[in-house]
Amino acid sequence: MNDDNNTCDRLRRLHSHLVREINMLRKSVDEEEREGVVNPVETITIIEGLQKALHTIHLELQKCPGNGEI
């Protein structure tokens, strides 16, 4: 049970970290587009990959006790 709690705690921290990183990258894309950089493909690709990882983490968190906290 303790291992499950540790795993869930790590997943929650990772979830929060990824949300912050995705938000920062989206802000960066918005700024680049305002500055005239057309379609910053690399950053968009990174965001998409992080969103997929975030989705997987979210699914795993559904199995954790107290999952309504995300």
PDB file of N, CA and C in Angstrom:
ATOM      1  N   MET A   1       0.824  -1.195   0.000  1.00  0.00           N
ATOM      2  CA  MET A   1       0.000   0.000   0.000  1.00  0.00           C
ATOM      3  C   MET A   1       0.867   1.257   0.000  1.00  0.00           C
ATOM      4  N   ASN A   2       1.950   1.232   0.763  1.00  0.00           N
ATOM      5  CA  ASN A   2       2.841   2.382   0.824  1.00  0.00           C
ATOM      6  C   ASN A   2       3.459   2.677  -0.538  1.00  0.00           C
ATOM      7  N   ASP A   3       3.812   1.608  -1.278  1.00  0.00           N
ATOM      8  CA  ASP A   3       4.361   1.805  -2.621  1.00  0.00           C
ATOM      9  C   ASP A   3       3.332   2.457  -3.528  1.00  0.00           C
ATOM     10  N   ASP A   4       2.062   2.053  -3.382  1.00  0.00           N
ATOM     11  CA  ASP A   4       0.997   2.662  -4.177  1.00  0.00           C
ATOM     12  C   ASP A   4       0.869   4.152  -3.857  1.00  0.00           C
ATOM     13  N   ASN A   5       0.941   4.488  -2.574  1.00  0.00           N
ATOM     14  CA  ASN A   5       0.848   5.896  -2.178  1.00  0.00           C
ATOM     15  C   ASN A   5       2.025   6.689  -2.720  1.00  0.00           C
ATOM     16  N   ASN A   6       3.229   6.113  -2.648  1.00  0.00           N
ATOM     17  CA  ASN A   6       4.410   6.793  -3.191  1.00  0.00           C
ATOM     18  C   ASN A   6       4.269   7.012  -4.687  1.00  0.00           C
ATOM     19  N   THR A   7       3.796   6.002  -5.383  1.00  0.00           N
ATOM     20  CA  THR A   7       3.603   6.113  -6.831  1.00  0.00           C
ATOM     21  C   THR A   7       2.585   7.192  -7.145  1.00  0.00           C
ATOM     22  N   CYS A   8       1.485   7.194  -6.410  1.00  0.00           N
ATOM     23  CA  CYS A   8       0.447   8.196  -6.644  1.00  0.00           C
ATOM     24  C   CYS A   8       0.966   9.600  -6.343  1.00  0.00           C
ATOM     25  N   ASP A   9       1.734   9.747  -5.279  1.00  0.00           N
ATOM     26  CA  ASP A   9       2.319  11.054  -4.964  1.00  0.00           C
ATOM     27  C   ASP A   9       3.238  11.527  -6.089  1.00  0.00           C
ATOM     28  N   ARG A  10       4.063  10.622  -6.590  1.00  0.00           N
ATOM     29  CA  ARG A  10       4.970  10.990  -7.690  1.00  0.00           C
ATOM     30  C   ARG A  10       4.182  11.346  -8.945  1.00  0.00           C
ATOM     31  N   LEU A  11       3.123  10.592  -9.219  1.00  0.00           N
ATOM     32  CA  LEU A  11       2.292  10.886 -10.389  1.00  0.00           C
ATOM     33  C   LEU A  11       1.626  12.255 -10.252  1.00  0.00           C
ATOM     34  N   ARG A  12       1.160  12.585  -9.058  1.00  0.00           N
ATOM     35  CA  ARG A  12       0.539  13.895  -8.843  1.00  0.00           C
ATOM     36  C   ARG A  12       1.545  15.024  -9.065  1.00  0.00           C
ATOM     37  N   ARG A  13       2.765  14.840  -8.545  1.00  0.00           N
ATOM     38  CA  ARG A  13       3.802  15.869  -8.739  1.00  0.00           C
ATOM     39  C   ARG A  13       4.159  15.996 -10.221  1.00  0.00           C
ATOM     40  N   LEU A  14       4.293  14.860 -10.888  1.00  0.00           N
ATOM     41  CA  LEU A  14       4.615  14.882 -12.313  1.00  0.00           C
ATOM     42  C   LEU A  14       3.488  15.538 -13.107  1.00  0.00           C
ATOM     43  N   HIS A  15       2.257  15.236 -12.752  1.00  0.00           N
ATOM     44  CA  HIS A  15       1.100  15.832 -13.415  1.00  0.00           C
ATOM     45  C   HIS A  15       1.160  17.359 -13.291  1.00  0.00           C
ATOM     46  N   SER A  16       1.377  17.848 -12.084  1.00  0.00           N
ATOM     47  CA  SER A  16       1.454  19.293 -11.851  1.00  0.00           C
ATOM     48  C   SER A  16       2.602  19.920 -12.637  1.00  0.00           C
ATOM     49  N   HIS A  17       3.744  19.251 -12.624  1.00  0.00           N
ATOM     50  CA  HIS A  17       4.917  19.758 -13.343  1.00  0.00           C
ATOM     51  C   HIS A  17       4.632  19.837 -14.845  1.00  0.00           C
ATOM     52  N   LEU A  18       4.035  18.798 -15.407  1.00  0.00           N
ATOM     53  CA  LEU A  18       3.744  18.802 -16.842  1.00  0.00           C
ATOM     54  C   LEU A  18       2.737  19.882 -17.206  1.00  0.00           C
ATOM     55  N   VAL A  19       1.738  20.085 -16.362  1.00  0.00           N
ATOM     56  CA  VAL A  19       0.759  21.143 -16.629  1.00  0.00           C
ATOM     57  C   VAL A  19       1.461  22.494 -16.693  1.00  0.00           C
ATOM     58  N   ARG A  20       2.360  22.753 -15.735  1.00  0.00           N
ATOM     59  CA  ARG A  20       3.107  24.024 -15.736  1.00  0.00           C
ATOM     60  C   ARG A  20       3.972  24.146 -16.995  1.00  0.00           C
ATOM     61  N   GLU A  21       4.674  23.070 -17.351  1.00  0.00           N
ATOM     62  CA  GLU A  21       5.555  23.111 -18.526  1.00  0.00           C
ATOM     63  C   GLU A  21       4.759  23.338 -19.807  1.00  0.00           C
ATOM     64  N   ILE A  22       3.640  22.659 -19.940  1.00  0.00           N
ATOM     65  CA  ILE A  22       2.803  22.834 -21.133  1.00  0.00           C
ATOM     66  C   ILE A  22       2.308  24.265 -21.221  1.00  0.00           C
ATOM     67  N   ASN A  23       1.869  24.819 -20.102  1.00  0.00           N
ATOM     68  CA  ASN A  23       1.394  26.210 -20.098  1.00  0.00           C
ATOM     69  C   ASN A  23       2.498  27.179 -20.487  1.00  0.00           C
ATOM     70  N   MET A  24       3.706  26.956 -19.985  1.00  0.00           N
ATOM     71  CA  MET A  24       4.831  27.825 -20.343  1.00  0.00           C
ATOM     72  C   MET A  24       5.156  27.706 -21.829  1.00  0.00           C
ATOM     73  N   LEU A  25       5.137  26.503 -22.358  1.00  0.00           N
ATOM     74  CA  LEU A  25       5.433  26.313 -23.777  1.00  0.00           C
ATOM     75  C   LEU A  25       4.356  26.943 -24.652  1.00  0.00           C
ATOM     76  N   ARG A  26       3.105  26.810 -24.253  1.00  0.00           N
ATOM     77  CA  ARG A  26       2.025  27.451 -25.023  1.00  0.00           C
ATOM     78  C   ARG A  26       2.206  28.970 -25.038  1.00  0.00           C
ATOM     79  N   LYS A  27       2.580  29.512 -23.889  1.00  0.00           N
ATOM     80  CA  LYS A  27       2.830  30.961 -23.812  1.00  0.00           C
ATOM     81  C   LYS A  27       3.969  31.336 -24.754  1.00  0.00           C
ATOM     82  N   SER A  28       5.000  30.509 -24.793  1.00  0.00           N
ATOM     83  CA  SER A  28       6.136  30.755 -25.677  1.00  0.00           C
ATOM     84  C   SER A  28       5.705  30.732 -27.139  1.00  0.00           C
ATOM     85  N   VAL A  29       4.857  29.771 -27.503  1.00  0.00           N
ATOM     86  CA  VAL A  29       4.362  29.683 -28.880  1.00  0.00           C
ATOM     87  C   VAL A  29       3.561  30.939 -29.217  1.00  0.00           C
ATOM     88  N   ASP A  30       2.704  31.357 -28.286  1.00  0.00           N
ATOM     89  CA  ASP A  30       1.916  32.574 -28.521  1.00  0.00           C
ATOM     90  C   ASP A  30       2.818  33.785 -28.745  1.00  0.00           C
ATOM     91  N   GLU A  31       3.864  33.915 -27.931  1.00  0.00           N
ATOM     92  CA  GLU A  31       4.796  35.039 -28.076  1.00  0.00           C
ATOM     93  C   GLU A  31       5.537  34.973 -29.409  1.00  0.00           C
ATOM     94  N   GLU A  32       5.967  33.765 -29.782  1.00  0.00           N
ATOM     95  CA  GLU A  32       6.674  33.613 -31.055  1.00  0.00           C
ATOM     96  C   GLU A  32       5.771  33.973 -32.218  1.00  0.00           C
ATOM     97  N   GLU A  33       4.503  33.570 -32.138  1.00  0.00           N
ATOM     98  CA  GLU A  33       3.574  33.894 -33.219  1.00  0.00           C
ATOM     99  C   GLU A  33       3.333  35.400 -33.287  1.00  0.00           C
ATOM    100  N   ARG A  34       3.265  36.065 -32.134  1.00  0.00           N
ATOM    101  CA  ARG A  34       3.095  37.525 -32.124  1.00  0.00           C
ATOM    102  C   ARG A  34       4.314  38.220 -32.725  1.00  0.00           C
ATOM    103  N   GLU A  35       5.488  37.611 -32.538  1.00  0.00           N
ATOM    104  CA  GLU A  35       6.715  38.194 -33.069  1.00  0.00           C
ATOM    105  C   GLU A  35       6.934  37.844 -34.533  1.00  0.00           C
ATOM    106  N   GLY A  36       6.011  37.087 -35.102  1.00  0.00           N
ATOM    107  CA  GLY A  36       6.098  36.782 -36.518  1.00  0.00           C
ATOM    108  C   GLY A  36       6.718  35.446 -36.864  1.00  0.00           C
ATOM    109  N   VAL A  37       7.056  34.645 -35.875  1.00  0.00           N
ATOM    110  CA  VAL A  37       7.569  33.307 -36.156  1.00  0.00           C
ATOM    111  C   VAL A  37       6.377  32.459 -36.571  1.00  0.00           C
ATOM    112  N   VAL A  38       6.433  31.987 -37.802  1.00  0.00           N
ATOM    113  CA  VAL A  38       5.302  31.230 -38.330  1.00  0.00           C
ATOM    114  C   VAL A  38       5.453  29.768 -37.942  1.00  0.00           C
ATOM    115  N   ASN A  39       4.455  29.275 -37.232  1.00  0.00           N
ATOM    116  CA  ASN A  39       4.351  27.855 -36.908  1.00  0.00           C
ATOM    117  C   ASN A  39       5.633  27.291 -36.289  1.00  0.00           C
ATOM    118  N   PRO A  40       5.874  27.578 -35.037  1.00  0.00           N
ATOM    119  CA  PRO A  40       7.046  27.012 -34.355  1.00  0.00           C
ATOM    120  C   PRO A  40       6.862  25.503 -34.136  1.00  0.00           C
ATOM    121  N   VAL A  41       7.121  24.736 -35.196  1.00  0.00           N
ATOM    122  CA  VAL A  41       6.799  23.316 -35.252  1.00  0.00           C
ATOM    123  C   VAL A  41       7.431  22.514 -34.115  1.00  0.00           C
ATOM    124  N   GLU A  42       8.680  22.770 -33.823  1.00  0.00           N
ATOM    125  CA  GLU A  42       9.350  21.984 -32.788  1.00  0.00           C
ATOM    126  C   GLU A  42       8.655  22.123 -31.439  1.00  0.00           C
ATOM    127  N   THR A  43       8.314  23.332 -31.083  1.00  0.00           N
ATOM    128  CA  THR A  43       7.661  23.561 -29.794  1.00  0.00           C
ATOM    129  C   THR A  43       6.281  22.928 -29.777  1.00  0.00           C
ATOM    130  N   ILE A  44       5.553  23.049 -30.869  1.00  0.00           N
ATOM    131  CA  ILE A  44       4.218  22.451 -30.948  1.00  0.00           C
ATOM    132  C   ILE A  44       4.314  20.930 -30.832  1.00  0.00           C
ATOM    133  N   THR A  45       5.309  20.328 -31.457  1.00  0.00           N
ATOM    134  CA  THR A  45       5.508  18.884 -31.373  1.00  0.00           C
ATOM    135  C   THR A  45       5.820  18.467 -29.938  1.00  0.00           C
ATOM    136  N   ILE A  46       6.627  19.252 -29.257  1.00  0.00           N
ATOM    137  CA  ILE A  46       6.951  18.967 -27.853  1.00  0.00           C
ATOM    138  C   ILE A  46       5.694  19.054 -27.001  1.00  0.00           C
ATOM    139  N   ILE A  47       4.886  20.086 -27.220  1.00  0.00           N
ATOM    140  CA  ILE A  47       3.642  20.238 -26.463  1.00  0.00           C
ATOM    141  C   ILE A  47       2.737  19.033 -26.675  1.00  0.00           C
ATOM    142  N   GLU A  48       2.618  18.599 -27.912  1.00  0.00           N
ATOM    143  CA  GLU A  48       1.763  17.441 -28.202  1.00  0.00           C
ATOM    144  C   GLU A  48       2.258  16.195 -27.474  1.00  0.00           C
ATOM    145  N   GLY A  49       3.569  15.993 -27.459  1.00  0.00           N
ATOM    146  CA  GLY A  49       4.130  14.837 -26.750  1.00  0.00           C
ATOM    147  C   GLY A  49       3.875  14.914 -25.255  1.00  0.00           C
ATOM    148  N   LEU A  50       4.036  16.112 -24.694  1.00  0.00           N
ATOM    149  CA  LEU A  50       3.785  16.292 -23.265  1.00  0.00           C
ATOM    150  C   LEU A  50       2.308  16.091 -22.935  1.00  0.00           C
ATOM    151  N   GLN A  51       1.430  16.514 -23.834  1.00  0.00           N
ATOM    152  CA  GLN A  51      -0.002  16.321 -23.609  1.00  0.00           C
ATOM    153  C   GLN A  51      -0.365  14.841 -23.617  1.00  0.00           C
ATOM    154  N   LYS A  52       0.267  14.071 -24.481  1.00  0.00           N
ATOM    155  CA  LYS A  52       0.026  12.622 -24.499  1.00  0.00           C
ATOM    156  C   LYS A  52       0.498  11.991 -23.193  1.00  0.00           C
ATOM    157  N   ALA A  53       1.659  12.419 -22.733  1.00  0.00           N
ATOM    158  CA  ALA A  53       2.170  11.909 -21.458  1.00  0.00           C
ATOM    159  C   ALA A  53       1.253  12.315 -20.315  1.00  0.00           C
ATOM    160  N   LEU A  54       0.768  13.547 -20.347  1.00  0.00           N
ATOM    161  CA  LEU A  54      -0.144  14.036 -19.322  1.00  0.00           C
ATOM    162  C   LEU A  54      -1.432  13.210 -19.304  1.00  0.00           C
ATOM    163  N   HIS A  55      -1.921  12.872 -20.471  1.00  0.00           N
ATOM    164  CA  HIS A  55      -3.128  12.041 -20.560  1.00  0.00           C
ATOM    165  C   HIS A  55      -2.894  10.668 -19.927  1.00  0.00           C
ATOM    166  N   THR A  56      -1.754  10.068 -20.219  1.00  0.00           N
ATOM    167  CA  THR A  56      -1.413   8.759 -19.646  1.00  0.00           C
ATOM    168  C   THR A  56      -1.321   8.854 -18.123  1.00  0.00           C
ATOM    169  N   ILE A  57      -0.687   9.900 -17.631  1.00  0.00           N
ATOM    170  CA  ILE A  57      -0.567  10.097 -16.190  1.00  0.00           C
ATOM    171  C   ILE A  57      -1.949  10.292 -15.574  1.00  0.00           C
ATOM    172  N   HIS A  58      -2.793  11.050 -16.259  1.00  0.00           N
ATOM    173  CA  HIS A  58      -4.144  11.272 -15.763  1.00  0.00           C
ATOM    174  C   HIS A  58      -4.900   9.943 -15.639  1.00  0.00           C
ATOM    175  N   LEU A  59      -4.745   9.074 -16.620  1.00  0.00           N
ATOM    176  CA  LEU A  59      -5.402   7.768 -16.561  1.00  0.00           C
ATOM    177  C   LEU A  59      -4.890   6.947 -15.383  1.00  0.00           C
ATOM    178  N   GLU A  60      -3.594   6.991 -15.133  1.00  0.00           N
ATOM    179  CA  GLU A  60      -3.018   6.267 -13.998  1.00  0.00           C
ATOM    180  C   GLU A  60      -3.494   6.855 -12.673  1.00  0.00           C
ATOM    181  N   LEU A  61      -3.644   8.161 -12.632  1.00  0.00           N
ATOM    182  CA  LEU A  61      -4.103   8.810 -11.405  1.00  0.00           C
ATOM    183  C   LEU A  61      -5.547   8.434 -11.068  1.00  0.00           C
ATOM    184  N   GLN A  62      -6.319   8.046 -12.076  1.00  0.00           N
ATOM    185  CA  GLN A  62      -7.690   7.613 -11.827  1.00  0.00           C
ATOM    186  C   GLN A  62      -7.722   6.391 -10.910  1.00  0.00           C
ATOM    187  N   LYS A  63      -6.641   5.639 -10.891  1.00  0.00           N
ATOM    188  CA  LYS A  63      -6.547   4.427 -10.076  1.00  0.00           C
ATOM    189  C   LYS A  63      -6.109   4.726  -8.635  1.00  0.00           C
ATOM    190  N   CYS A  64      -5.703   5.966  -8.381  1.00  0.00           N
ATOM    191  CA  CYS A  64      -5.174   6.336  -7.068  1.00  0.00           C
ATOM    192  C   CYS A  64      -6.287   6.780  -6.130  1.00  0.00           C
ATOM    193  N   PRO A  65      -6.076   6.533  -4.827  1.00  0.00           N
ATOM    194  CA  PRO A  65      -7.042   7.062  -3.856  1.00  0.00           C
ATOM    195  C   PRO A  65      -6.958   8.584  -3.830  1.00  0.00           C
ATOM    196  N   GLY A  66      -8.100   9.229  -3.705  1.00  0.00           N
ATOM    197  CA  GLY A  66      -8.114  10.690  -3.663  1.00  0.00           C
ATOM    198  C   GLY A  66      -7.863  11.327  -4.999  1.00  0.00           C
ATOM    199  N   ASN A  67      -8.213  10.654  -6.096  1.00  0.00           N
ATOM    200  CA  ASN A  67      -7.895  11.161  -7.431  1.00  0.00           C
ATOM    201  C   ASN A  67      -8.679  12.409  -7.800  1.00  0.00           C
ATOM    202  N   GLY A  68      -9.614  12.834  -6.989  1.00  0.00           N
ATOM    203  CA  GLY A  68     -10.346  14.061  -7.280  1.00  0.00           C
ATOM    204  C   GLY A  68      -9.533  15.310  -7.022  1.00  0.00           C
ATOM    205  N   GLU A  69      -8.285  15.153  -6.552  1.00  0.00           N
ATOM    206  CA  GLU A  69      -7.465  16.304  -6.201  1.00  0.00           C
ATOM    207  C   GLU A  69      -6.748  16.922  -7.380  1.00  0.00           C
ATOM    208  N   ILE A  70      -6.773  16.308  -8.569  1.00  0.00           N
ATOM    209  CA  ILE A  70      -6.034  16.875  -9.693  1.00  0.00           C
ATOM    210  C   ILE A  70      -6.787  17.997 -10.341  1.00  0.00           C
TER     211      ILE A  70
END
